[in-house]
Amino acid sequence: MTTPFYTGGCQCGAVRFHVEGALGDASVCHCRMCQKASGNFYLPLVSVRQAKLTWTRGAPKRFRSSNHGYRGFCGDCGTPLTYEAPDGVALTIAAFDDPAGIAPRIQWGIEAKLPYVDAISGLPGEETMADQDAASFLADLVSYQHPDHDTDAWPPEREP
């Protein structure tokens, strides 16, 4: 039997991680601390307490968000990476290189759930290039975001 293996990291590539072993529970948290920590409506997280987490490039900076918890983030680009509590470490699902296979199974903190969150999936949707006001700069956009796979070094010497 093959041991599951996952990789991920921040947007700029200064912090990268590997997780070896089965991931735990995946969830979204609507609590106000998670909203603020992610700058979003909720924070998708997955427990890694039963697996081996290794920081392979850099390490997160940490903010003590409560008397029981820390939030890990990239000190260069600000990407949220961890929620650390007495019961273990959870990683932000979107920080994984392949987040599509890590589906949340429960919602926490629903007392702080924003009233319009459930209606978002019903909003009209458009592809990025359909925004005619932004299409002119999107047409020649060059991303400096780290790719969704490990690299020997980052950034490449030819890029800023």
N, C-alpha and C. Protein backbone atom coordinates (compact mmCIF):
# COMPACT_ATOMS: atom_id res chain seq x y z
N MET A 1 0.84 -1.17 0.00
CA MET A 1 0.00 0.00 0.00
C MET A 1 0.89 1.24 0.00
N THR A 2 0.57 2.20 -0.84
CA THR A 2 1.35 3.42 -0.97
C THR A 2 0.90 4.45 0.05
N THR A 3 1.88 5.09 0.69
CA THR A 3 1.57 6.14 1.65
C THR A 3 1.21 7.41 0.89
N PRO A 4 0.07 8.05 1.21
CA PRO A 4 -0.29 9.30 0.53
C PRO A 4 0.77 10.38 0.76
N PHE A 5 0.97 11.21 -0.24
CA PHE A 5 1.99 12.25 -0.18
C PHE A 5 1.44 13.51 -0.84
N TYR A 6 1.56 14.63 -0.17
CA TYR A 6 1.01 15.89 -0.66
C TYR A 6 2.09 16.96 -0.60
N THR A 7 1.99 17.94 -1.49
CA THR A 7 2.90 19.09 -1.47
C THR A 7 2.07 20.36 -1.54
N GLY A 8 2.70 21.45 -1.15
CA GLY A 8 2.02 22.73 -1.23
C GLY A 8 2.92 23.85 -0.75
N GLY A 9 2.36 25.03 -0.70
CA GLY A 9 3.13 26.17 -0.23
C GLY A 9 2.39 27.47 -0.47
N CYS A 10 3.11 28.54 -0.25
CA CYS A 10 2.53 29.88 -0.37
C CYS A 10 2.53 30.36 -1.82
N GLN A 11 1.95 31.52 -2.02
CA GLN A 11 1.84 32.07 -3.37
C GLN A 11 3.21 32.44 -3.96
N CYS A 12 4.11 32.97 -3.16
CA CYS A 12 5.40 33.43 -3.72
C CYS A 12 6.45 32.34 -3.77
N GLY A 13 6.25 31.21 -3.08
CA GLY A 13 7.19 30.10 -3.11
C GLY A 13 8.24 30.15 -2.02
N ALA A 14 8.21 31.14 -1.13
CA ALA A 14 9.19 31.24 -0.06
C ALA A 14 8.99 30.16 1.00
N VAL A 15 7.76 29.64 1.12
CA VAL A 15 7.46 28.58 2.09
C VAL A 15 6.81 27.43 1.33
N ARG A 16 7.37 26.23 1.49
CA ARG A 16 6.85 25.02 0.86
C ARG A 16 6.77 23.92 1.90
N PHE A 17 5.85 22.97 1.70
CA PHE A 17 5.70 21.86 2.64
C PHE A 17 5.42 20.56 1.90
N HIS A 18 5.69 19.45 2.61
CA HIS A 18 5.31 18.10 2.21
C HIS A 18 4.50 17.51 3.35
N VAL A 19 3.49 16.73 3.03
CA VAL A 19 2.74 15.98 4.03
C VAL A 19 2.78 14.53 3.59
N GLU A 20 3.27 13.67 4.47
CA GLU A 20 3.33 12.24 4.20
C GLU A 20 2.38 11.53 5.14
N GLY A 21 1.41 10.84 4.57
CA GLY A 21 0.42 10.13 5.37
C GLY A 21 -0.98 10.65 5.08
N ALA A 22 -1.94 10.00 5.68
CA ALA A 22 -3.34 10.34 5.44
C ALA A 22 -3.69 11.68 6.08
N LEU A 23 -4.42 12.48 5.33
CA LEU A 23 -4.94 13.72 5.88
C LEU A 23 -6.12 13.42 6.78
N GLY A 24 -6.37 14.31 7.72
CA GLY A 24 -7.50 14.13 8.63
C GLY A 24 -8.74 14.81 8.10
N ASP A 25 -9.54 15.29 9.01
CA ASP A 25 -10.80 15.92 8.67
C ASP A 25 -10.59 17.23 7.91
N ALA A 26 -11.34 17.42 6.85
CA ALA A 26 -11.33 18.67 6.10
C ALA A 26 -12.62 19.42 6.43
N SER A 27 -12.50 20.72 6.63
CA SER A 27 -13.65 21.51 7.04
C SER A 27 -13.52 22.94 6.54
N VAL A 28 -14.57 23.70 6.72
CA VAL A 28 -14.50 25.15 6.58
C VAL A 28 -14.93 25.73 7.91
N CYS A 29 -14.26 26.81 8.31
CA CYS A 29 -14.61 27.46 9.55
C CYS A 29 -15.07 28.89 9.25
N HIS A 30 -16.25 29.21 9.77
CA HIS A 30 -16.84 30.53 9.56
C HIS A 30 -16.58 31.48 10.72
N CYS A 31 -15.85 31.06 11.76
CA CYS A 31 -15.66 31.93 12.93
C CYS A 31 -14.96 33.23 12.51
N ARG A 32 -15.17 34.25 13.28
CA ARG A 32 -14.63 35.56 12.92
C ARG A 32 -13.11 35.56 12.86
N MET A 33 -12.44 34.79 13.72
CA MET A 33 -10.98 34.73 13.65
C MET A 33 -10.52 34.12 12.33
N CYS A 34 -11.18 33.08 11.86
CA CYS A 34 -10.81 32.48 10.58
C CYS A 34 -11.13 33.42 9.42
N GLN A 35 -12.23 34.15 9.51
CA GLN A 35 -12.53 35.14 8.47
C GLN A 35 -11.41 36.17 8.38
N LYS A 36 -11.00 36.70 9.52
CA LYS A 36 -9.95 37.73 9.52
C LYS A 36 -8.60 37.14 9.08
N ALA A 37 -8.27 35.93 9.56
CA ALA A 37 -6.98 35.32 9.24
C ALA A 37 -6.84 35.04 7.74
N SER A 38 -7.96 34.75 7.08
CA SER A 38 -7.91 34.43 5.65
C SER A 38 -8.30 35.61 4.76
N GLY A 39 -8.89 36.64 5.36
CA GLY A 39 -9.40 37.75 4.55
C GLY A 39 -10.52 37.27 3.64
N ASN A 40 -11.31 36.33 4.13
CA ASN A 40 -12.32 35.71 3.30
C ASN A 40 -13.57 35.40 4.12
N PHE A 41 -14.60 34.85 3.46
CA PHE A 41 -15.86 34.54 4.11
C PHE A 41 -15.71 33.40 5.11
N TYR A 42 -14.80 32.47 4.85
CA TYR A 42 -14.53 31.33 5.72
C TYR A 42 -13.15 30.80 5.37
N LEU A 43 -12.63 29.90 6.20
CA LEU A 43 -11.29 29.35 5.98
C LEU A 43 -11.37 27.83 5.84
N PRO A 44 -11.06 27.29 4.64
CA PRO A 44 -11.00 25.84 4.44
C PRO A 44 -9.70 25.27 5.03
N LEU A 45 -9.82 24.27 5.88
CA LEU A 45 -8.68 23.68 6.57
C LEU A 45 -8.74 22.16 6.51
N VAL A 46 -7.57 21.52 6.60
CA VAL A 46 -7.51 20.06 6.72
C VAL A 46 -6.47 19.71 7.78
N SER A 47 -6.85 18.81 8.67
CA SER A 47 -5.97 18.36 9.74
C SER A 47 -4.84 17.50 9.19
N VAL A 48 -3.65 17.70 9.75
CA VAL A 48 -2.50 16.86 9.39
C VAL A 48 -1.95 16.17 10.64
N ARG A 49 -2.76 16.06 11.69
CA ARG A 49 -2.24 15.54 12.96
C ARG A 49 -1.79 14.09 12.89
N GLN A 50 -2.33 13.28 11.99
CA GLN A 50 -1.92 11.88 11.88
C GLN A 50 -0.82 11.68 10.82
N ALA A 51 -0.44 12.73 10.14
CA ALA A 51 0.54 12.64 9.06
C ALA A 51 1.84 13.35 9.48
N LYS A 52 2.85 13.22 8.66
CA LYS A 52 4.13 13.88 8.92
C LYS A 52 4.22 15.14 8.05
N LEU A 53 4.24 16.30 8.69
CA LEU A 53 4.36 17.58 8.01
C LEU A 53 5.80 18.04 8.07
N THR A 54 6.38 18.36 6.90
CA THR A 54 7.76 18.84 6.82
C THR A 54 7.77 20.14 6.03
N TRP A 55 8.39 21.17 6.58
CA TRP A 55 8.58 22.43 5.85
C TRP A 55 9.84 22.27 5.02
N THR A 56 9.71 22.27 3.71
CA THR A 56 10.83 21.97 2.82
C THR A 56 11.53 23.21 2.27
N ARG A 57 10.89 24.35 2.35
CA ARG A 57 11.53 25.63 2.00
C ARG A 57 10.95 26.69 2.93
N GLY A 58 11.82 27.34 3.65
CA GLY A 58 11.37 28.37 4.57
C GLY A 58 10.48 27.77 5.67
N ALA A 59 9.85 28.65 6.41
CA ALA A 59 8.91 28.25 7.46
C ALA A 59 7.93 29.39 7.66
N PRO A 60 6.72 29.06 8.09
CA PRO A 60 5.75 30.13 8.29
C PRO A 60 6.14 31.04 9.46
N LYS A 61 5.78 32.29 9.34
CA LYS A 61 5.77 33.16 10.49
C LYS A 61 4.48 32.84 11.22
N ARG A 62 4.42 33.18 12.50
CA ARG A 62 3.25 32.80 13.28
C ARG A 62 2.69 34.01 14.02
N PHE A 63 1.37 34.06 14.08
CA PHE A 63 0.65 35.06 14.85
C PHE A 63 -0.16 34.34 15.91
N ARG A 64 -0.03 34.77 17.15
CA ARG A 64 -0.82 34.15 18.22
C ARG A 64 -2.20 34.79 18.21
N SER A 65 -3.16 34.08 17.64
CA SER A 65 -4.50 34.64 17.46
C SER A 65 -5.40 34.48 18.68
N SER A 66 -5.02 33.61 19.60
CA SER A 66 -5.77 33.44 20.84
C SER A 66 -4.85 32.81 21.88
N ASN A 67 -5.37 32.61 23.07
CA ASN A 67 -4.56 31.97 24.10
C ASN A 67 -4.32 30.48 23.79
N HIS A 68 -5.04 29.93 22.82
CA HIS A 68 -4.87 28.52 22.47
C HIS A 68 -4.40 28.28 21.04
N GLY A 69 -4.29 29.32 20.23
CA GLY A 69 -4.00 29.07 18.82
C GLY A 69 -3.03 30.03 18.18
N TYR A 70 -2.39 29.53 17.14
CA TYR A 70 -1.49 30.32 16.30
C TYR A 70 -1.95 30.19 14.86
N ARG A 71 -1.67 31.21 14.09
CA ARG A 71 -1.92 31.20 12.65
C ARG A 71 -0.56 31.33 11.97
N GLY A 72 -0.26 30.38 11.08
CA GLY A 72 0.98 30.43 10.32
C GLY A 72 0.72 31.03 8.95
N PHE A 73 1.65 31.85 8.47
CA PHE A 73 1.50 32.52 7.19
C PHE A 73 2.88 32.79 6.61
N CYS A 74 2.93 33.04 5.31
CA CYS A 74 4.20 33.40 4.67
C CYS A 74 4.53 34.83 5.04
N GLY A 75 5.73 35.04 5.55
CA GLY A 75 6.17 36.37 5.92
C GLY A 75 6.48 37.26 4.73
N ASP A 76 6.60 36.68 3.53
CA ASP A 76 6.89 37.46 2.33
C ASP A 76 5.62 37.88 1.59
N CYS A 77 4.73 36.93 1.33
CA CYS A 77 3.54 37.25 0.53
C CYS A 77 2.24 37.26 1.33
N GLY A 78 2.27 36.75 2.57
CA GLY A 78 1.10 36.80 3.43
C GLY A 78 0.13 35.64 3.29
N THR A 79 0.42 34.66 2.44
CA THR A 79 -0.50 33.53 2.26
C THR A 79 -0.78 32.84 3.59
N PRO A 80 -2.05 32.68 3.98
CA PRO A 80 -2.38 31.91 5.18
C PRO A 80 -2.02 30.44 4.96
N LEU A 81 -1.36 29.81 5.95
CA LEU A 81 -0.90 28.44 5.79
C LEU A 81 -1.40 27.48 6.87
N THR A 82 -1.44 27.92 8.14
CA THR A 82 -1.78 26.98 9.21
C THR A 82 -2.74 27.57 10.23
N TYR A 83 -3.42 26.66 10.89
CA TYR A 83 -4.09 26.93 12.15
C TYR A 83 -3.52 25.89 13.11
N GLU A 84 -2.90 26.35 14.19
CA GLU A 84 -2.24 25.48 15.15
C GLU A 84 -2.94 25.61 16.50
N ALA A 85 -3.44 24.50 17.02
CA ALA A 85 -4.17 24.49 18.28
C ALA A 85 -3.68 23.31 19.12
N PRO A 86 -4.11 23.22 20.38
CA PRO A 86 -3.66 22.11 21.22
C PRO A 86 -3.96 20.73 20.64
N ASP A 87 -4.98 20.61 19.79
CA ASP A 87 -5.32 19.30 19.22
C ASP A 87 -4.59 19.01 17.90
N GLY A 88 -3.70 19.89 17.46
CA GLY A 88 -2.91 19.61 16.27
C GLY A 88 -2.85 20.76 15.29
N VAL A 89 -2.25 20.47 14.16
CA VAL A 89 -2.05 21.46 13.10
C VAL A 89 -3.00 21.17 11.95
N ALA A 90 -3.57 22.22 11.39
CA ALA A 90 -4.35 22.12 10.16
C ALA A 90 -3.73 23.05 9.14
N LEU A 91 -3.73 22.62 7.90
CA LEU A 91 -3.22 23.44 6.80
C LEU A 91 -4.38 23.99 5.99
N THR A 92 -4.19 25.16 5.41
CA THR A 92 -5.22 25.72 4.55
C THR A 92 -5.29 24.88 3.27
N ILE A 93 -6.47 24.49 2.90
CA ILE A 93 -6.65 23.59 1.76
C ILE A 93 -6.13 24.21 0.47
N ALA A 94 -6.36 25.49 0.26
CA ALA A 94 -5.94 26.14 -0.98
C ALA A 94 -4.42 26.25 -1.11
N ALA A 95 -3.67 26.05 -0.02
CA ALA A 95 -2.21 26.09 -0.10
C ALA A 95 -1.62 24.80 -0.68
N PHE A 96 -2.42 23.75 -0.78
CA PHE A 96 -1.94 22.50 -1.39
C PHE A 96 -1.81 22.69 -2.89
N ASP A 97 -0.85 22.00 -3.49
CA ASP A 97 -0.66 22.09 -4.94
C ASP A 97 -1.86 21.53 -5.70
N ASP A 98 -2.54 20.56 -5.13
CA ASP A 98 -3.72 19.97 -5.76
C ASP A 98 -4.88 19.94 -4.75
N PRO A 99 -5.51 21.09 -4.53
CA PRO A 99 -6.55 21.15 -3.51
C PRO A 99 -7.87 20.51 -3.92
N ALA A 100 -8.05 20.19 -5.19
CA ALA A 100 -9.34 19.68 -5.67
C ALA A 100 -9.77 18.39 -4.98
N GLY A 101 -8.84 17.58 -4.55
CA GLY A 101 -9.17 16.30 -3.93
C GLY A 101 -9.39 16.37 -2.43
N ILE A 102 -9.32 17.56 -1.84
CA ILE A 102 -9.47 17.71 -0.39
C ILE A 102 -10.78 18.44 -0.13
N ALA A 103 -11.85 17.69 -0.08
CA ALA A 103 -13.19 18.27 0.04
C ALA A 103 -13.61 18.40 1.50
N PRO A 104 -14.01 19.59 1.91
CA PRO A 104 -14.53 19.76 3.27
C PRO A 104 -15.77 18.90 3.49
N ARG A 105 -15.91 18.40 4.72
CA ARG A 105 -17.03 17.53 5.06
C ARG A 105 -17.91 18.11 6.17
N ILE A 106 -17.46 19.23 6.77
CA ILE A 106 -18.25 19.85 7.85
C ILE A 106 -17.93 21.34 7.91
N GLN A 107 -18.87 22.11 8.43
CA GLN A 107 -18.67 23.54 8.65
C GLN A 107 -18.64 23.78 10.16
N TRP A 108 -17.68 24.59 10.59
CA TRP A 108 -17.59 24.98 11.99
C TRP A 108 -17.85 26.48 12.09
N GLY A 109 -18.15 26.93 13.29
CA GLY A 109 -18.31 28.37 13.55
C GLY A 109 -19.48 28.99 12.83
N ILE A 110 -20.53 28.23 12.61
CA ILE A 110 -21.64 28.74 11.80
C ILE A 110 -22.38 29.90 12.46
N GLU A 111 -22.13 30.13 13.76
CA GLU A 111 -22.75 31.28 14.41
C GLU A 111 -22.25 32.60 13.81
N ALA A 112 -21.08 32.58 13.16
CA ALA A 112 -20.52 33.79 12.54
C ALA A 112 -20.63 33.75 11.01
N LYS A 113 -21.32 32.75 10.49
CA LYS A 113 -21.47 32.61 9.04
C LYS A 113 -22.14 33.85 8.47
N LEU A 114 -21.53 34.43 7.46
CA LEU A 114 -22.09 35.62 6.84
C LEU A 114 -23.38 35.27 6.12
N PRO A 115 -24.39 36.14 6.19
CA PRO A 115 -25.73 35.77 5.73
C PRO A 115 -25.85 35.47 4.23
N TYR A 116 -24.91 35.90 3.43
CA TYR A 116 -25.01 35.71 1.98
C TYR A 116 -24.15 34.57 1.44
N VAL A 117 -23.39 33.90 2.30
CA VAL A 117 -22.46 32.87 1.84
C VAL A 117 -23.16 31.75 1.08
N ASP A 118 -24.27 31.26 1.58
CA ASP A 118 -24.95 30.14 0.92
C ASP A 118 -25.52 30.52 -0.45
N ALA A 119 -25.72 31.80 -0.70
CA ALA A 119 -26.29 32.24 -1.98
C ALA A 119 -25.22 32.47 -3.06
N ILE A 120 -23.95 32.43 -2.70
CA ILE A 120 -22.88 32.73 -3.67
C ILE A 120 -22.90 31.78 -4.85
N SER A 121 -23.14 30.50 -4.62
CA SER A 121 -23.15 29.54 -5.74
C SER A 121 -24.26 29.82 -6.73
N GLY A 122 -25.27 30.56 -6.34
CA GLY A 122 -26.37 30.90 -7.24
C GLY A 122 -26.14 32.18 -8.04
N LEU A 123 -25.04 32.88 -7.77
CA LEU A 123 -24.75 34.10 -8.52
C LEU A 123 -24.37 33.76 -9.96
N PRO A 124 -24.63 34.67 -10.90
CA PRO A 124 -24.18 34.42 -12.27
C PRO A 124 -22.65 34.30 -12.30
N GLY A 125 -22.14 33.52 -13.22
CA GLY A 125 -20.70 33.31 -13.34
C GLY A 125 -20.20 33.60 -14.74
N GLU A 126 -19.00 34.12 -14.81
CA GLU A 126 -18.35 34.44 -16.08
C GLU A 126 -16.90 33.99 -16.03
N GLU A 127 -16.33 33.67 -17.18
CA GLU A 127 -14.91 33.38 -17.26
C GLU A 127 -14.13 34.69 -17.14
N THR A 128 -12.90 34.60 -16.70
CA THR A 128 -12.08 35.78 -16.43
C THR A 128 -12.03 36.74 -17.62
N MET A 129 -11.80 36.23 -18.81
CA MET A 129 -11.62 37.08 -19.99
C MET A 129 -12.92 37.74 -20.45
N ALA A 130 -14.04 37.39 -19.85
CA ALA A 130 -15.30 38.02 -20.21
C ALA A 130 -15.40 39.44 -19.63
N ASP A 131 -14.52 39.79 -18.70
CA ASP A 131 -14.50 41.13 -18.11
C ASP A 131 -13.80 42.08 -19.08
N GLN A 132 -14.56 42.70 -19.94
CA GLN A 132 -14.00 43.55 -21.00
C GLN A 132 -13.18 44.72 -20.45
N ASP A 133 -13.54 45.23 -19.28
CA ASP A 133 -12.78 46.33 -18.70
C ASP A 133 -11.39 45.88 -18.26
N ALA A 134 -11.24 44.62 -17.89
CA ALA A 134 -9.96 44.11 -17.43
C ALA A 134 -9.22 43.31 -18.50
N ALA A 135 -9.90 42.94 -19.57
CA ALA A 135 -9.31 42.05 -20.57
C ALA A 135 -8.03 42.62 -21.19
N SER A 136 -7.95 43.93 -21.32
CA SER A 136 -6.76 44.51 -21.96
C SER A 136 -5.49 44.22 -21.17
N PHE A 137 -5.54 44.27 -19.84
CA PHE A 137 -4.32 43.94 -19.09
C PHE A 137 -4.21 42.45 -18.80
N LEU A 138 -5.32 41.74 -18.80
CA LEU A 138 -5.26 40.30 -18.57
C LEU A 138 -4.66 39.56 -19.77
N ALA A 139 -4.80 40.12 -20.96
CA ALA A 139 -4.32 39.45 -22.17
C ALA A 139 -2.81 39.23 -22.16
N ASP A 140 -2.06 40.11 -21.50
CA ASP A 140 -0.60 39.92 -21.47
C ASP A 140 -0.08 39.78 -20.04
N LEU A 141 -0.96 39.31 -19.15
CA LEU A 141 -0.60 39.11 -17.75
C LEU A 141 0.46 38.03 -17.61
N VAL A 142 1.50 38.29 -16.84
CA VAL A 142 2.54 37.32 -16.52
C VAL A 142 2.49 37.06 -15.02
N SER A 143 2.21 35.84 -14.64
CA SER A 143 2.11 35.49 -13.22
C SER A 143 3.49 35.25 -12.63
N TYR A 144 3.72 35.81 -11.45
CA TYR A 144 4.95 35.55 -10.69
C TYR A 144 4.67 34.59 -9.55
N GLN A 145 3.48 34.00 -9.55
CA GLN A 145 3.09 33.05 -8.52
C GLN A 145 3.88 31.76 -8.69
N HIS A 146 4.25 31.16 -7.57
CA HIS A 146 4.96 29.88 -7.60
C HIS A 146 4.06 28.84 -8.26
N PRO A 147 4.61 27.96 -9.10
CA PRO A 147 3.78 26.94 -9.74
C PRO A 147 3.29 25.91 -8.72
N ASP A 148 2.29 25.15 -9.07
CA ASP A 148 1.73 24.14 -8.18
C ASP A 148 2.53 22.84 -8.25
N HIS A 149 3.81 22.95 -7.98
CA HIS A 149 4.69 21.79 -7.85
C HIS A 149 6.00 22.27 -7.24
N ASP A 150 6.78 21.33 -6.70
CA ASP A 150 8.06 21.69 -6.10
C ASP A 150 9.04 22.14 -7.18
N THR A 151 9.90 23.06 -6.80
CA THR A 151 10.98 23.53 -7.66
C THR A 151 12.26 23.50 -6.85
N ASP A 152 13.41 23.39 -7.52
CA ASP A 152 14.68 23.39 -6.80
C ASP A 152 14.96 24.73 -6.15
N ALA A 153 14.58 25.81 -6.82
CA ALA A 153 14.78 27.17 -6.30
C ALA A 153 13.64 28.04 -6.77
N TRP A 154 13.47 29.14 -6.10
CA TRP A 154 12.44 30.09 -6.49
C TRP A 154 12.80 31.46 -5.97
N PRO A 155 12.58 32.53 -6.66
CA PRO A 155 12.07 32.58 -8.03
C PRO A 155 13.17 32.24 -9.03
N PRO A 156 12.77 31.91 -10.26
CA PRO A 156 13.80 31.71 -11.29
C PRO A 156 14.61 32.99 -11.45
N GLU A 157 15.86 32.85 -11.78
CA GLU A 157 16.75 34.02 -11.87
C GLU A 157 16.27 35.06 -12.86
N ARG A 158 15.53 34.68 -13.86
CA ARG A 158 15.11 35.62 -14.89
C ARG A 158 13.91 36.47 -14.46
N GLU A 159 13.27 36.11 -13.34
CA GLU A 159 12.07 36.83 -12.91
C GLU A 159 12.37 37.62 -11.64
N PRO A 160 11.60 38.68 -11.38
CA PRO A 160 11.81 39.49 -10.17
C PRO A 160 11.49 38.74 -8.89
